[in-house]
């Protein structure tokens, strides 16, 4: 019984930890891409990575990227979209890191 209670307490703590940033986390200025940026776990790190990506991709078109991402995320989670990017070899290089294309686009939107 003690093990079951410990597991339940651990699950509760993990669930609270995952939702706590949404309840008490940093507030951001509204953007037209908030629905997409809400899928990110750490928007601040995404902004930093996006700033590096923007230096290498100055012709980035946020509206077109957002439209494409919304289509990809329409019936799938971000994890599923990222898995599909990897399987289909849709990747981008950002500051020496190879990341799935959808994640790169989200980071660029976060920095826009």
PDB file of N, CA and C in Angstrom:
ATOM      1  N   UNK A   1       0.803  -1.207   0.000  1.00  0.00           N
ATOM      2  CA  UNK A   1       0.000   0.000   0.000  1.00  0.00           C
ATOM      3  C   UNK A   1       0.845   1.269   0.000  1.00  0.00           C
ATOM      4  N   UNK A   2       1.953   1.248   0.704  1.00  0.00           N
ATOM      5  CA  UNK A   2       2.812   2.420   0.752  1.00  0.00           C
ATOM      6  C   UNK A   2       3.387   2.702  -0.636  1.00  0.00           C
ATOM      7  N   UNK A   3       3.728   1.649  -1.367  1.00  0.00           N
ATOM      8  CA  UNK A   3       4.259   1.822  -2.716  1.00  0.00           C
ATOM      9  C   UNK A   3       3.224   2.491  -3.606  1.00  0.00           C
ATOM     10  N   UNK A   4       1.961   2.049  -3.512  1.00  0.00           N
ATOM     11  CA  UNK A   4       0.899   2.646  -4.318  1.00  0.00           C
ATOM     12  C   UNK A   4       0.724   4.115  -4.008  1.00  0.00           C
ATOM     13  N   UNK A   5       0.780   4.470  -2.724  1.00  0.00           N
ATOM     14  CA  UNK A   5       0.663   5.870  -2.332  1.00  0.00           C
ATOM     15  C   UNK A   5       1.842   6.687  -2.832  1.00  0.00           C
ATOM     16  N   UNK A   6       3.028   6.072  -2.798  1.00  0.00           N
ATOM     17  CA  UNK A   6       4.211   6.759  -3.297  1.00  0.00           C
ATOM     18  C   UNK A   6       4.135   7.017  -4.784  1.00  0.00           C
ATOM     19  N   UNK A   7       3.632   6.022  -5.514  1.00  0.00           N
ATOM     20  CA  UNK A   7       3.471   6.182  -6.958  1.00  0.00           C
ATOM     21  C   UNK A   7       2.443   7.263  -7.254  1.00  0.00           C
ATOM     22  N   UNK A   8       1.326   7.236  -6.517  1.00  0.00           N
ATOM     23  CA  UNK A   8       0.286   8.244  -6.734  1.00  0.00           C
ATOM     24  C   UNK A   8       0.828   9.640  -6.427  1.00  0.00           C
ATOM     25  N   UNK A   9       1.609   9.773  -5.358  1.00  0.00           N
ATOM     26  CA  UNK A   9       2.173  11.071  -5.001  1.00  0.00           C
ATOM     27  C   UNK A   9       3.159  11.545  -6.069  1.00  0.00           C
ATOM     28  N   UNK A  10       3.941  10.619  -6.595  1.00  0.00           N
ATOM     29  CA  UNK A  10       4.903  10.969  -7.646  1.00  0.00           C
ATOM     30  C   UNK A  10       4.179  11.419  -8.906  1.00  0.00           C
ATOM     31  N   UNK A  11       3.126  10.690  -9.279  1.00  0.00           N
ATOM     32  CA  UNK A  11       2.348  11.073 -10.462  1.00  0.00           C
ATOM     33  C   UNK A  11       1.698  12.433 -10.279  1.00  0.00           C
ATOM     34  N   UNK A  12       1.174  12.691  -9.082  1.00  0.00           N
ATOM     35  CA  UNK A  12       0.558  13.993  -8.813  1.00  0.00           C
ATOM     36  C   UNK A  12       1.602  15.102  -8.932  1.00  0.00           C
ATOM     37  N   UNK A  13       2.772  14.869  -8.320  1.00  0.00           N
ATOM     38  CA  UNK A  13       3.835  15.885  -8.373  1.00  0.00           C
ATOM     39  C   UNK A  13       4.271  16.138  -9.809  1.00  0.00           C
ATOM     40  N   UNK A  14       4.390  15.073 -10.605  1.00  0.00           N
ATOM     41  CA  UNK A  14       4.787  15.239 -12.010  1.00  0.00           C
ATOM     42  C   UNK A  14       3.724  16.004 -12.782  1.00  0.00           C
ATOM     43  N   UNK A  15       2.464  15.655 -12.572  1.00  0.00           N
ATOM     44  CA  UNK A  15       1.373  16.346 -13.275  1.00  0.00           C
ATOM     45  C   UNK A  15       1.330  17.808 -12.867  1.00  0.00           C
ATOM     46  N   UNK A  16       1.505  18.093 -11.580  1.00  0.00           N
ATOM     47  CA  UNK A  16       1.492  19.476 -11.114  1.00  0.00           C
ATOM     48  C   UNK A  16       2.678  20.235 -11.692  1.00  0.00           C
ATOM     49  N   UNK A  17       3.822  19.569 -11.767  1.00  0.00           N
ATOM     50  CA  UNK A  17       5.012  20.201 -12.332  1.00  0.00           C
ATOM     51  C   UNK A  17       4.853  20.530 -13.801  1.00  0.00           C
ATOM     52  N   UNK A  18       4.107  19.700 -14.529  1.00  0.00           N
ATOM     53  CA  UNK A  18       3.902  19.953 -15.955  1.00  0.00           C
ATOM     54  C   UNK A  18       2.913  21.081 -16.184  1.00  0.00           C
ATOM     55  N   UNK A  19       1.960  21.240 -15.297  1.00  0.00           N
ATOM     56  CA  UNK A  19       0.953  22.282 -15.492  1.00  0.00           C
ATOM     57  C   UNK A  19       1.312  23.580 -14.796  1.00  0.00           C
ATOM     58  N   UNK A  20       2.176  23.526 -13.813  1.00  0.00           N
ATOM     59  CA  UNK A  20       2.520  24.711 -13.047  1.00  0.00           C
ATOM     60  C   UNK A  20       3.057  25.849 -13.908  1.00  0.00           C
ATOM     61  N   UNK A  21       3.952  25.602 -14.884  1.00  0.00           N
ATOM     62  CA  UNK A  21       4.417  26.728 -15.698  1.00  0.00           C
ATOM     63  C   UNK A  21       3.277  27.446 -16.412  1.00  0.00           C
ATOM     64  N   UNK A  22       2.224  26.711 -16.780  1.00  0.00           N
ATOM     65  CA  UNK A  22       1.094  27.354 -17.448  1.00  0.00           C
ATOM     66  C   UNK A  22       0.293  28.208 -16.473  1.00  0.00           C
ATOM     67  N   UNK A  23       0.254  27.805 -15.213  1.00  0.00           N
ATOM     68  CA  UNK A  23      -0.501  28.555 -14.219  1.00  0.00           C
ATOM     69  C   UNK A  23       0.273  29.745 -13.680  1.00  0.00           C
ATOM     70  N   UNK A  24       1.560  29.532 -13.397  1.00  0.00           N
ATOM     71  CA  UNK A  24       2.337  30.557 -12.729  1.00  0.00           C
ATOM     72  C   UNK A  24       3.521  31.052 -13.555  1.00  0.00           C
ATOM     73  N   UNK A  25       3.645  30.588 -14.771  1.00  0.00           N
ATOM     74  CA  UNK A  25       4.799  30.911 -15.599  1.00  0.00           C
ATOM     75  C   UNK A  25       4.762  32.328 -16.126  1.00  0.00           C
ATOM     76  N   UNK A  26       5.770  32.640 -16.863  1.00  0.00           N
ATOM     77  CA  UNK A  26       5.928  33.969 -17.448  1.00  0.00           C
ATOM     78  C   UNK A  26       4.804  34.256 -18.436  1.00  0.00           C
ATOM     79  N   UNK A  27       4.351  35.465 -18.435  1.00  0.00           N
ATOM     80  CA  UNK A  27       3.329  35.912 -19.389  1.00  0.00           C
ATOM     81  C   UNK A  27       4.037  36.591 -20.556  1.00  0.00           C
ATOM     82  N   UNK A  28       3.541  36.361 -21.752  1.00  0.00           N
ATOM     83  CA  UNK A  28       4.146  36.930 -22.956  1.00  0.00           C
ATOM     84  C   UNK A  28       3.166  37.885 -23.606  1.00  0.00           C
ATOM     85  N   UNK A  29       3.711  38.831 -24.326  1.00  0.00           N
ATOM     86  CA  UNK A  29       2.868  39.733 -25.107  1.00  0.00           C
ATOM     87  C   UNK A  29       2.123  38.908 -26.150  1.00  0.00           C
ATOM     88  N   UNK A  30       0.866  39.206 -26.378  1.00  0.00           N
ATOM     89  CA  UNK A  30       0.096  38.433 -27.363  1.00  0.00           C
ATOM     90  C   UNK A  30       0.708  38.522 -28.758  1.00  0.00           C
ATOM     91  N   UNK A  31       0.661  37.403 -29.466  1.00  0.00           N
ATOM     92  CA  UNK A  31       1.124  37.350 -30.853  1.00  0.00           C
ATOM     93  C   UNK A  31       0.073  36.623 -31.682  1.00  0.00           C
ATOM     94  N   UNK A  32       0.138  36.745 -32.986  1.00  0.00           N
ATOM     95  CA  UNK A  32      -0.800  35.991 -33.833  1.00  0.00           C
ATOM     96  C   UNK A  32      -0.503  34.493 -33.830  1.00  0.00           C
ATOM     97  N   UNK A  33       0.588  34.091 -33.163  1.00  0.00           N
ATOM     98  CA  UNK A  33       1.026  32.695 -33.197  1.00  0.00           C
ATOM     99  C   UNK A  33       0.925  32.011 -31.838  1.00  0.00           C
ATOM    100  N   UNK A  34       0.188  32.607 -30.909  1.00  0.00           N
ATOM    101  CA  UNK A  34       0.104  32.050 -29.558  1.00  0.00           C
ATOM    102  C   UNK A  34      -0.430  30.622 -29.534  1.00  0.00           C
ATOM    103  N   UNK A  35      -1.336  30.293 -30.442  1.00  0.00           N
ATOM    104  CA  UNK A  35      -1.857  28.919 -30.483  1.00  0.00           C
ATOM    105  C   UNK A  35      -0.737  27.925 -30.788  1.00  0.00           C
ATOM    106  N   UNK A  36       0.201  28.314 -31.624  1.00  0.00           N
ATOM    107  CA  UNK A  36       1.331  27.449 -31.958  1.00  0.00           C
ATOM    108  C   UNK A  36       2.398  27.482 -30.865  1.00  0.00           C
ATOM    109  N   UNK A  37       2.687  28.654 -30.347  1.00  0.00           N
ATOM    110  CA  UNK A  37       3.726  28.793 -29.335  1.00  0.00           C
ATOM    111  C   UNK A  37       3.333  28.117 -28.024  1.00  0.00           C
ATOM    112  N   UNK A  38       2.048  27.921 -27.807  1.00  0.00           N
ATOM    113  CA  UNK A  38       1.587  27.223 -26.599  1.00  0.00           C
ATOM    114  C   UNK A  38       2.009  25.758 -26.598  1.00  0.00           C
ATOM    115  N   UNK A  39       2.385  25.223 -27.753  1.00  0.00           N
ATOM    116  CA  UNK A  39       2.825  23.822 -27.816  1.00  0.00           C
ATOM    117  C   UNK A  39       4.246  23.651 -27.316  1.00  0.00           C
ATOM    118  N   UNK A  40       4.978  24.750 -27.152  1.00  0.00           N
ATOM    119  CA  UNK A  40       6.364  24.685 -26.700  1.00  0.00           C
ATOM    120  C   UNK A  40       6.449  24.510 -25.192  1.00  0.00           C
ATOM    121  N   UNK A  41       7.388  23.728 -24.750  1.00  0.00           N
ATOM    122  CA  UNK A  41       7.613  23.545 -23.318  1.00  0.00           C
ATOM    123  C   UNK A  41       8.347  24.751 -22.745  1.00  0.00           C
ATOM    124  N   UNK A  42       9.338  25.270 -23.456  1.00  0.00           N
ATOM    125  CA  UNK A  42      10.141  26.383 -22.969  1.00  0.00           C
ATOM    126  C   UNK A  42      10.253  27.440 -24.065  1.00  0.00           C
ATOM    127  N   UNK A  43       9.373  28.395 -24.007  1.00  0.00           N
ATOM    128  CA  UNK A  43       9.312  29.418 -25.056  1.00  0.00           C
ATOM    129  C   UNK A  43      10.556  30.296 -25.067  1.00  0.00           C
ATOM    130  N   UNK A  44      11.134  30.569 -23.909  1.00  0.00           N
ATOM    131  CA  UNK A  44      12.319  31.424 -23.854  1.00  0.00           C
ATOM    132  C   UNK A  44      13.497  30.778 -24.576  1.00  0.00           C
ATOM    133  N   UNK A  45      13.698  29.493 -24.374  1.00  0.00           N
ATOM    134  CA  UNK A  45      14.784  28.803 -25.077  1.00  0.00           C
ATOM    135  C   UNK A  45      14.484  28.738 -26.567  1.00  0.00           C
ATOM    136  N   UNK A  46      13.210  28.563 -26.913  1.00  0.00           N
ATOM    137  CA  UNK A  46      12.829  28.549 -28.325  1.00  0.00           C
ATOM    138  C   UNK A  46      13.120  29.905 -28.964  1.00  0.00           C
ATOM    139  N   UNK A  47      12.875  30.988 -28.232  1.00  0.00           N
ATOM    140  CA  UNK A  47      13.176  32.324 -28.748  1.00  0.00           C
ATOM    141  C   UNK A  47      14.662  32.485 -29.027  1.00  0.00           C
ATOM    142  N   UNK A  48      15.494  31.991 -28.104  1.00  0.00           N
ATOM    143  CA  UNK A  48      16.942  32.102 -28.300  1.00  0.00           C
ATOM    144  C   UNK A  48      17.401  31.297 -29.510  1.00  0.00           C
ATOM    145  N   UNK A  49      16.897  30.080 -29.633  1.00  0.00           N
ATOM    146  CA  UNK A  49      17.251  29.245 -30.780  1.00  0.00           C
ATOM    147  C   UNK A  49      16.715  29.874 -32.064  1.00  0.00           C
ATOM    148  N   UNK A  50      15.526  30.446 -31.998  1.00  0.00           N
ATOM    149  CA  UNK A  50      14.939  31.109 -33.159  1.00  0.00           C
ATOM    150  C   UNK A  50      15.734  32.320 -33.601  1.00  0.00           C
ATOM    151  N   UNK A  51      16.316  33.040 -32.650  1.00  0.00           N
ATOM    152  CA  UNK A  51      17.145  34.201 -33.001  1.00  0.00           C
ATOM    153  C   UNK A  51      18.383  33.758 -33.772  1.00  0.00           C
ATOM    154  N   UNK A  52      18.972  32.644 -33.369  1.00  0.00           N
ATOM    155  CA  UNK A  52      20.130  32.095 -34.096  1.00  0.00           C
ATOM    156  C   UNK A  52      19.687  31.658 -35.493  1.00  0.00           C
ATOM    157  N   UNK A  53      18.541  30.998 -35.568  1.00  0.00           N
ATOM    158  CA  UNK A  53      18.027  30.525 -36.855  1.00  0.00           C
ATOM    159  C   UNK A  53      17.696  31.695 -37.774  1.00  0.00           C
ATOM    160  N   UNK A  54      17.169  32.763 -37.210  1.00  0.00           N
ATOM    161  CA  UNK A  54      16.795  33.920 -38.032  1.00  0.00           C
ATOM    162  C   UNK A  54      18.009  34.546 -38.704  1.00  0.00           C
ATOM    163  N   UNK A  55      19.144  34.520 -38.024  1.00  0.00           N
ATOM    164  CA  UNK A  55      20.376  35.059 -38.618  1.00  0.00           C
ATOM    165  C   UNK A  55      20.762  34.263 -39.863  1.00  0.00           C
ATOM    166  N   UNK A  56      20.479  32.956 -39.846  1.00  0.00           N
ATOM    167  CA  UNK A  56      20.819  32.102 -40.987  1.00  0.00           C
ATOM    168  C   UNK A  56      19.686  32.050 -42.012  1.00  0.00           C
ATOM    169  N   UNK A  57      18.498  32.462 -41.620  1.00  0.00           N
ATOM    170  CA  UNK A  57      17.308  32.373 -42.482  1.00  0.00           C
ATOM    171  C   UNK A  57      16.592  33.726 -42.494  1.00  0.00           C
ATOM    172  N   UNK A  58      17.227  34.779 -43.035  1.00  0.00           N
ATOM    173  CA  UNK A  58      16.619  36.117 -42.983  1.00  0.00           C
ATOM    174  C   UNK A  58      15.358  36.259 -43.833  1.00  0.00           C
ATOM    175  N   UNK A  59      15.101  35.330 -44.733  1.00  0.00           N
ATOM    176  CA  UNK A  59      13.914  35.424 -45.588  1.00  0.00           C
ATOM    177  C   UNK A  59      12.723  34.655 -45.007  1.00  0.00           C
ATOM    178  N   UNK A  60      12.811  34.258 -43.747  1.00  0.00           N
ATOM    179  CA  UNK A  60      11.733  33.519 -43.095  1.00  0.00           C
ATOM    180  C   UNK A  60      10.429  34.305 -43.157  1.00  0.00           C
ATOM    181  N   UNK A  61       9.354  33.616 -43.573  1.00  0.00           N
ATOM    182  CA  UNK A  61       8.035  34.238 -43.681  1.00  0.00           C
ATOM    183  C   UNK A  61       7.137  33.675 -42.589  1.00  0.00           C
ATOM    184  N   UNK A  62       6.934  34.405 -41.495  1.00  0.00           N
ATOM    185  CA  UNK A  62       6.177  33.894 -40.358  1.00  0.00           C
ATOM    186  C   UNK A  62       4.752  33.450 -40.698  1.00  0.00           C
ATOM    187  N   UNK A  63       4.034  34.226 -41.495  1.00  0.00           N
ATOM    188  CA  UNK A  63       2.645  33.872 -41.809  1.00  0.00           C
ATOM    189  C   UNK A  63       2.567  32.557 -42.572  1.00  0.00           C
ATOM    190  N   UNK A  64       3.455  32.355 -43.527  1.00  0.00           N
ATOM    191  CA  UNK A  64       3.465  31.109 -44.300  1.00  0.00           C
ATOM    192  C   UNK A  64       3.845  29.929 -43.407  1.00  0.00           C
ATOM    193  N   UNK A  65       4.835  30.135 -42.534  1.00  0.00           N
ATOM    194  CA  UNK A  65       5.252  29.069 -41.622  1.00  0.00           C
ATOM    195  C   UNK A  65       4.126  28.716 -40.651  1.00  0.00           C
ATOM    196  N   UNK A  66       3.442  29.726 -40.139  1.00  0.00           N
ATOM    197  CA  UNK A  66       2.334  29.483 -39.210  1.00  0.00           C
ATOM    198  C   UNK A  66       1.212  28.714 -39.893  1.00  0.00           C
ATOM    199  N   UNK A  67       0.905  29.076 -41.120  1.00  0.00           N
ATOM    200  CA  UNK A  67      -0.150  28.377 -41.864  1.00  0.00           C
ATOM    201  C   UNK A  67       0.220  26.900 -42.040  1.00  0.00           C
ATOM    202  N   UNK A  68       1.466  26.654 -42.412  1.00  0.00           N
ATOM    203  CA  UNK A  68       1.937  25.282 -42.611  1.00  0.00           C
ATOM    204  C   UNK A  68       1.914  24.494 -41.295  1.00  0.00           C
ATOM    205  N   UNK A  69       2.377  25.123 -40.221  1.00  0.00           N
ATOM    206  CA  UNK A  69       2.383  24.443 -38.918  1.00  0.00           C
ATOM    207  C   UNK A  69       0.970  24.135 -38.436  1.00  0.00           C
ATOM    208  N   UNK A  70       0.055  25.068 -38.637  1.00  0.00           N
ATOM    209  CA  UNK A  70      -1.341  24.820 -38.227  1.00  0.00           C
ATOM    210  C   UNK A  70      -1.924  23.632 -38.983  1.00  0.00           C
ATOM    211  N   UNK A  71      -1.582  23.508 -40.253  1.00  0.00           N
ATOM    212  CA  UNK A  71      -2.057  22.352 -41.023  1.00  0.00           C
ATOM    213  C   UNK A  71      -1.457  21.058 -40.478  1.00  0.00           C
ATOM    214  N   UNK A  72      -0.169  21.083 -40.174  1.00  0.00           N
ATOM    215  CA  UNK A  72       0.484  19.882 -39.644  1.00  0.00           C
ATOM    216  C   UNK A  72      -0.065  19.486 -38.275  1.00  0.00           C
ATOM    217  N   UNK A  73      -0.392  20.489 -37.456  1.00  0.00           N
ATOM    218  CA  UNK A  73      -0.844  20.237 -36.085  1.00  0.00           C
ATOM    219  C   UNK A  73      -2.357  20.089 -35.967  1.00  0.00           C
ATOM    220  N   UNK A  74      -3.049  20.144 -37.084  1.00  0.00           N
ATOM    221  CA  UNK A  74      -4.505  20.120 -37.054  1.00  0.00           C
ATOM    222  C   UNK A  74      -5.066  18.891 -36.336  1.00  0.00           C
ATOM    223  N   UNK A  75      -4.539  17.737 -36.635  1.00  0.00           N
ATOM    224  CA  UNK A  75      -5.060  16.505 -36.038  1.00  0.00           C
ATOM    225  C   UNK A  75      -3.982  15.693 -35.340  1.00  0.00           C
ATOM    226  N   UNK A  76      -2.824  16.320 -35.115  1.00  0.00           N
ATOM    227  CA  UNK A  76      -1.713  15.606 -34.474  1.00  0.00           C
ATOM    228  C   UNK A  76      -1.099  16.463 -33.375  1.00  0.00           C
ATOM    229  N   UNK A  77      -0.408  15.811 -32.485  1.00  0.00           N
ATOM    230  CA  UNK A  77       0.326  16.525 -31.441  1.00  0.00           C
ATOM    231  C   UNK A  77       1.664  16.987 -31.998  1.00  0.00           C
ATOM    232  N   UNK A  78       2.312  17.865 -31.267  1.00  0.00           N
ATOM    233  CA  UNK A  78       3.633  18.330 -31.688  1.00  0.00           C
ATOM    234  C   UNK A  78       4.608  17.157 -31.758  1.00  0.00           C
ATOM    235  N   UNK A  79       4.529  16.251 -30.798  1.00  0.00           N
ATOM    236  CA  UNK A  79       5.418  15.083 -30.807  1.00  0.00           C
ATOM    237  C   UNK A  79       5.215  14.244 -32.066  1.00  0.00           C
ATOM    238  N   UNK A  80       3.975  14.067 -32.484  1.00  0.00           N
ATOM    239  CA  UNK A  80       3.694  13.298 -33.699  1.00  0.00           C
ATOM    240  C   UNK A  80       4.214  14.011 -34.944  1.00  0.00           C
ATOM    241  N   UNK A  81       4.074  15.319 -34.970  1.00  0.00           N
ATOM    242  CA  UNK A  81       4.567  16.104 -36.110  1.00  0.00           C
ATOM    243  C   UNK A  81       6.088  16.039 -36.177  1.00  0.00           C
ATOM    244  N   UNK A  82       6.735  16.136 -35.040  1.00  0.00           N
ATOM    245  CA  UNK A  82       8.194  16.053 -34.991  1.00  0.00           C
ATOM    246  C   UNK A  82       8.671  14.672 -35.419  1.00  0.00           C
ATOM    247  N   UNK A  83       7.984  13.628 -34.950  1.00  0.00           N
ATOM    248  CA  UNK A  83       8.320  12.261 -35.382  1.00  0.00           C
ATOM    249  C   UNK A  83       8.217  12.130 -36.897  1.00  0.00           C
ATOM    250  N   UNK A  84       7.156  12.686 -37.469  1.00  0.00           N
ATOM    251  CA  UNK A  84       6.980  12.631 -38.919  1.00  0.00           C
ATOM    252  C   UNK A  84       8.102  13.384 -39.633  1.00  0.00           C
ATOM    253  N   UNK A  85       8.493  14.545 -39.100  1.00  0.00           N
ATOM    254  CA  UNK A  85       9.614  15.299 -39.679  1.00  0.00           C
ATOM    255  C   UNK A  85      10.873  14.448 -39.719  1.00  0.00           C
ATOM    256  N   UNK A  86      11.151  13.776 -38.621  1.00  0.00           N
ATOM    257  CA  UNK A  86      12.360  12.955 -38.541  1.00  0.00           C
ATOM    258  C   UNK A  86      12.284  11.792 -39.525  1.00  0.00           C
ATOM    259  N   UNK A  87      11.147  11.109 -39.564  1.00  0.00           N
ATOM    260  CA  UNK A  87      10.990   9.972 -40.477  1.00  0.00           C
ATOM    261  C   UNK A  87      11.116  10.390 -41.932  1.00  0.00           C
ATOM    262  N   UNK A  88      10.617  11.593 -42.248  1.00  0.00           N
ATOM    263  CA  UNK A  88      10.660  12.086 -43.625  1.00  0.00           C
ATOM    264  C   UNK A  88      11.914  12.927 -43.902  1.00  0.00           C
ATOM    265  N   UNK A  89      12.827  12.940 -42.948  1.00  0.00           N
ATOM    266  CA  UNK A  89      14.107  13.645 -43.064  1.00  0.00           C
ATOM    267  C   UNK A  89      13.938  15.134 -43.343  1.00  0.00           C
ATOM    268  N   UNK A  90      12.915  15.725 -42.761  1.00  0.00           N
ATOM    269  CA  UNK A  90      12.716  17.178 -42.839  1.00  0.00           C
ATOM    270  C   UNK A  90      13.374  17.782 -41.602  1.00  0.00           C
ATOM    271  N   UNK A  91      14.609  18.190 -41.761  1.00  0.00           N
ATOM    272  CA  UNK A  91      15.377  18.739 -40.650  1.00  0.00           C
ATOM    273  C   UNK A  91      16.030  20.043 -41.070  1.00  0.00           C
ATOM    274  N   UNK A  92      16.442  20.804 -40.068  1.00  0.00           N
ATOM    275  CA  UNK A  92      17.134  22.071 -40.309  1.00  0.00           C
ATOM    276  C   UNK A  92      18.333  22.135 -39.374  1.00  0.00           C
ATOM    277  N   UNK A  93      19.351  22.848 -39.805  1.00  0.00           N
ATOM    278  CA  UNK A  93      20.534  23.040 -38.976  1.00  0.00           C
ATOM    279  C   UNK A  93      20.464  24.445 -38.398  1.00  0.00           C
ATOM    280  N   UNK A  94      20.536  24.513 -37.063  1.00  0.00           N
ATOM    281  CA  UNK A  94      20.492  25.807 -36.383  1.00  0.00           C
ATOM    282  C   UNK A  94      21.661  25.865 -35.407  1.00  0.00           C
ATOM    283  N   UNK A  95      22.596  26.700 -35.687  1.00  0.00           N
ATOM    284  CA  UNK A  95      23.719  26.884 -34.778  1.00  0.00           C
ATOM    285  C   UNK A  95      24.452  25.599 -34.443  1.00  0.00           C
ATOM    286  N   UNK A  96      24.577  24.717 -35.410  1.00  0.00           N
ATOM    287  CA  UNK A  96      25.274  23.455 -35.192  1.00  0.00           C
ATOM    288  C   UNK A  96      24.376  22.324 -34.713  1.00  0.00           C
ATOM    289  N   UNK A  97      23.124  22.617 -34.433  1.00  0.00           N
ATOM    290  CA  UNK A  97      22.165  21.598 -34.006  1.00  0.00           C
ATOM    291  C   UNK A  97      21.287  21.210 -35.188  1.00  0.00           C
ATOM    292  N   UNK A  98      21.009  19.931 -35.313  1.00  0.00           N
ATOM    293  CA  UNK A  98      20.072  19.457 -36.331  1.00  0.00           C
ATOM    294  C   UNK A  98      18.753  19.205 -35.619  1.00  0.00           C
ATOM    295  N   UNK A  99      17.728  19.931 -36.046  1.00  0.00           N
ATOM    296  CA  UNK A  99      16.415  19.847 -35.388  1.00  0.00           C
ATOM    297  C   UNK A  99      15.335  19.583 -36.436  1.00  0.00           C
ATOM    298  N   UNK A 100      14.227  18.972 -36.020  1.00  0.00           N
ATOM    299  CA  UNK A 100      13.116  18.772 -36.953  1.00  0.00           C
ATOM    300  C   UNK A 100      12.614  20.115 -37.489  1.00  0.00           C
ATOM    301  N   UNK A 101      12.203  20.114 -38.731  1.00  0.00           N
ATOM    302  CA  UNK A 101      11.774  21.343 -39.404  1.00  0.00           C
ATOM    303  C   UNK A 101      10.658  22.066 -38.651  1.00  0.00           C
ATOM    304  N   UNK A 102       9.681  21.328 -38.156  1.00  0.00           N
ATOM    305  CA  UNK A 102       8.564  21.957 -37.443  1.00  0.00           C
ATOM    306  C   UNK A 102       9.044  22.666 -36.184  1.00  0.00           C
ATOM    307  N   UNK A 103       9.966  22.064 -35.481  1.00  0.00           N
ATOM    308  CA  UNK A 103      10.506  22.701 -34.286  1.00  0.00           C
ATOM    309  C   UNK A 103      11.300  23.948 -34.662  1.00  0.00           C
ATOM    310  N   UNK A 104      12.057  23.879 -35.740  1.00  0.00           N
ATOM    311  CA  UNK A 104      12.798  25.046 -36.213  1.00  0.00           C
ATOM    312  C   UNK A 104      11.833  26.186 -36.543  1.00  0.00           C
ATOM    313  N   UNK A 105      10.725  25.862 -37.211  1.00  0.00           N
ATOM    314  CA  UNK A 105       9.742  26.887 -37.551  1.00  0.00           C
ATOM    315  C   UNK A 105       9.107  27.491 -36.305  1.00  0.00           C
ATOM    316  N   UNK A 106       8.810  26.652 -35.312  1.00  0.00           N
ATOM    317  CA  UNK A 106       8.254  27.170 -34.056  1.00  0.00           C
ATOM    318  C   UNK A 106       9.241  28.105 -33.368  1.00  0.00           C
ATOM    319  N   UNK A 107      10.500  27.741 -33.375  1.00  0.00           N
ATOM    320  CA  UNK A 107      11.519  28.598 -32.762  1.00  0.00           C
ATOM    321  C   UNK A 107      11.634  29.926 -33.501  1.00  0.00           C
ATOM    322  N   UNK A 108      11.573  29.877 -34.815  1.00  0.00           N
ATOM    323  CA  UNK A 108      11.602  31.119 -35.601  1.00  0.00           C
ATOM    324  C   UNK A 108      10.381  31.996 -35.283  1.00  0.00           C
ATOM    325  N   UNK A 109       9.219  31.376 -35.122  1.00  0.00           N
ATOM    326  CA  UNK A 109       8.017  32.130 -34.768  1.00  0.00           C
ATOM    327  C   UNK A 109       8.150  32.736 -33.373  1.00  0.00           C
ATOM    328  N   UNK A 110       8.750  31.984 -32.458  1.00  0.00           N
ATOM    329  CA  UNK A 110       8.934  32.495 -31.093  1.00  0.00           C
ATOM    330  C   UNK A 110       9.837  33.724 -31.096  1.00  0.00           C
ATOM    331  N   UNK A 111      10.791  33.764 -31.998  1.00  0.00           N
ATOM    332  CA  UNK A 111      11.728  34.886 -32.072  1.00  0.00           C
ATOM    333  C   UNK A 111      11.201  36.037 -32.935  1.00  0.00           C
ATOM    334  N   UNK A 112      10.134  35.790 -33.675  1.00  0.00           N
ATOM    335  CA  UNK A 112       9.599  36.830 -34.590  1.00  0.00           C
ATOM    336  C   UNK A 112       8.984  37.989 -33.841  1.00  0.00           C
TER     337      UNK A 112
END
